[in-house]
Amino acid sequence: MGIDGSATAQKAAGMAAEIADRFGAQLTLVYVVPRLLLPPDAYGLTVAEVEAEHRSHADEVIRAAVQALGPAGARTATQVLYGPPAETLAEAAAAGGADLLVVGSRGHGAVARVLLGSTSDRVVHVAAMPVLVVH
């Protein structure tokens, strides 16, 4: 299950938790830190500082998502990975033996879609297992 902090991803996480519970399966929330669009020194920061900031944000998003799942969150595994979001989600799902990959239909809006492309659209094309896109 890909999570990015958006309302749609949280709705998808809830649906993924229901499915996992129904089938007695493990739910894993995965936050993917995408490649930097601009070099870190453009902001006066080192690569380590930028990576630490991304990791802190990822941990915050995952913590909020797990908490929002309520009791199901206690049985949920989490991962923070780095790379292109769609490919990284698909690879993590395959490596973990997932039977289903769940993503929200929209992340953080039109600007992100123009800059990064649509992760949900791309996941459908690169995943080796069924993908549920939650609107």
Protein backbone atom coordinates (compact mmCIF):
# COMPACT_ATOMS: atom_id res chain seq x y z
CA MET A 1 0.00 0.00 0.00
CA GLY A 2 1.52 3.29 -1.10
CA ILE A 3 1.03 6.22 1.27
CA ASP A 4 1.92 9.87 0.67
CA GLY A 5 -0.04 11.83 3.25
CA SER A 6 -2.88 12.79 0.92
CA ALA A 7 -6.54 12.31 1.83
CA THR A 8 -6.94 9.86 -1.05
CA ALA A 9 -4.00 7.76 0.15
CA GLN A 10 -5.49 7.66 3.65
CA LYS A 11 -8.82 6.48 2.22
CA ALA A 12 -6.93 3.82 0.24
CA ALA A 13 -5.08 2.77 3.42
CA GLY A 14 -8.41 2.25 5.18
CA MET A 15 -9.68 0.11 2.32
CA ALA A 16 -6.41 -1.86 2.22
CA ALA A 17 -6.68 -2.47 5.98
CA GLU A 18 -10.23 -3.81 5.56
CA ILE A 19 -9.10 -6.15 2.77
CA ALA A 20 -6.07 -7.35 4.73
CA ASP A 21 -8.24 -7.98 7.79
CA ARG A 22 -10.85 -9.88 5.77
CA PHE A 23 -8.22 -12.19 4.27
CA GLY A 24 -5.92 -12.40 7.29
CA ALA A 25 -3.13 -10.79 5.30
CA GLN A 26 -0.30 -8.49 6.31
CA LEU A 27 -0.74 -4.79 5.44
CA THR A 28 2.43 -2.86 4.72
CA LEU A 29 2.34 0.92 4.28
CA VAL A 30 5.12 2.14 2.00
CA TYR A 31 6.20 5.76 1.70
CA VAL A 32 8.51 6.42 -1.24
CA VAL A 33 10.81 9.42 -1.17
CA PRO A 34 11.15 10.47 -4.82
CA ARG A 35 14.39 11.58 -6.40
CA LEU A 36 15.17 15.23 -5.87
CA LEU A 37 13.96 17.53 -8.62
CA LEU A 38 16.51 20.22 -7.77
CA PRO A 39 20.00 19.73 -6.38
CA PRO A 40 20.18 20.14 -2.58
CA ASP A 41 22.69 22.98 -2.80
CA ALA A 42 20.02 25.05 -4.59
CA TYR A 43 18.49 25.47 -1.13
CA GLY A 44 21.78 25.91 0.70
CA LEU A 45 21.45 22.44 2.22
CA THR A 46 23.66 19.37 2.07
CA VAL A 47 22.42 16.09 0.64
CA ALA A 48 22.41 14.63 4.17
CA GLU A 49 20.23 17.50 5.44
CA VAL A 50 17.75 17.07 2.58
CA GLU A 51 17.62 13.29 3.12
CA ALA A 52 17.08 13.78 6.86
CA GLU A 53 14.22 16.21 6.16
CA HIS A 54 12.60 13.75 3.72
CA ARG A 55 12.98 10.91 6.24
CA SER A 56 11.43 13.01 9.00
CA HIS A 57 8.47 13.88 6.78
CA ALA A 58 8.05 10.24 5.72
CA ASP A 59 8.06 9.09 9.36
CA GLU A 60 5.44 11.72 10.22
CA VAL A 61 3.17 10.70 7.32
CA ILE A 62 3.44 7.00 8.21
CA ARG A 63 2.82 7.65 11.91
CA ALA A 64 -0.35 9.62 11.07
CA ALA A 65 -1.55 6.93 8.65
CA VAL A 66 -1.03 4.13 11.17
CA GLN A 67 -2.80 6.13 13.88
CA ALA A 68 -5.75 6.84 11.56
CA LEU A 69 -6.17 3.10 10.95
CA GLY A 70 -7.02 2.61 14.63
CA PRO A 71 -6.75 -1.00 15.86
CA ALA A 72 -5.70 -2.19 12.38
CA GLY A 73 -2.66 0.09 12.62
CA ALA A 74 -1.21 -2.09 15.37
CA ARG A 75 -0.91 -4.97 12.88
CA THR A 76 0.55 -2.84 10.09
CA ALA A 77 4.16 -2.95 8.90
CA THR A 78 5.79 0.17 7.44
CA GLN A 79 8.64 0.96 5.07
CA VAL A 80 10.31 4.11 3.80
CA LEU A 81 12.03 3.59 0.45
CA TYR A 82 13.86 5.86 -2.00
CA GLY A 83 13.44 5.98 -5.77
CA PRO A 84 10.88 6.59 -8.47
CA PRO A 85 7.53 6.13 -6.67
CA ALA A 86 5.62 3.81 -9.02
CA GLU A 87 8.51 1.51 -9.78
CA THR A 88 9.64 1.43 -6.16
CA LEU A 89 6.14 0.57 -4.92
CA ALA A 90 5.79 -2.19 -7.52
CA GLU A 91 9.23 -3.63 -6.68
CA ALA A 92 8.54 -3.54 -2.93
CA ALA A 93 5.19 -5.27 -3.41
CA ALA A 94 6.75 -7.99 -5.56
CA ALA A 95 9.69 -8.48 -3.18
CA GLY A 96 7.29 -8.75 -0.23
CA GLY A 97 5.11 -11.32 -1.97
CA ALA A 98 2.07 -9.03 -2.08
CA ASP A 99 -1.10 -10.32 -3.68
CA LEU A 100 -2.49 -6.81 -4.17
CA LEU A 101 -1.01 -3.32 -4.42
CA VAL A 102 -3.30 -0.48 -3.27
CA VAL A 103 -2.80 3.20 -4.12
CA GLY A 104 -4.92 6.33 -4.05
CA SER A 105 -5.98 7.83 -7.35
CA ARG A 106 -4.54 11.28 -6.65
CA GLY A 107 -1.70 12.47 -4.49
CA HIS A 108 -0.78 16.05 -3.84
CA GLY A 109 -2.47 17.74 -6.78
CA ALA A 110 -2.02 18.98 -10.32
CA VAL A 111 1.43 20.52 -9.87
CA ALA A 112 2.87 17.26 -8.55
CA ARG A 113 1.19 15.40 -11.41
CA VAL A 114 2.83 17.67 -14.00
CA LEU A 115 6.25 17.46 -12.35
CA LEU A 116 6.26 13.81 -11.33
CA GLY A 117 3.58 12.13 -13.40
CA SER A 118 0.73 10.17 -11.91
CA THR A 119 2.01 7.46 -9.62
CA SER A 120 -1.27 5.57 -9.68
CA ASP A 121 -1.35 5.56 -13.50
CA ARG A 122 2.22 4.34 -13.68
CA VAL A 123 1.81 1.68 -10.97
CA VAL A 124 -0.98 0.05 -12.96
CA HIS A 125 1.45 -0.41 -15.86
CA VAL A 126 4.54 -1.60 -13.98
CA ALA A 127 3.18 -3.79 -11.17
CA ALA A 128 3.38 -7.56 -11.53
CA MET A 129 0.26 -8.09 -9.38
CA PRO A 130 -3.28 -6.71 -9.35
CA VAL A 131 -3.52 -3.03 -8.43
CA LEU A 132 -6.47 -1.41 -6.67
CA VAL A 133 -6.68 2.34 -7.35
CA VAL A 134 -8.98 3.97 -4.79
CA HIS A 135 -10.77 7.13 -5.89
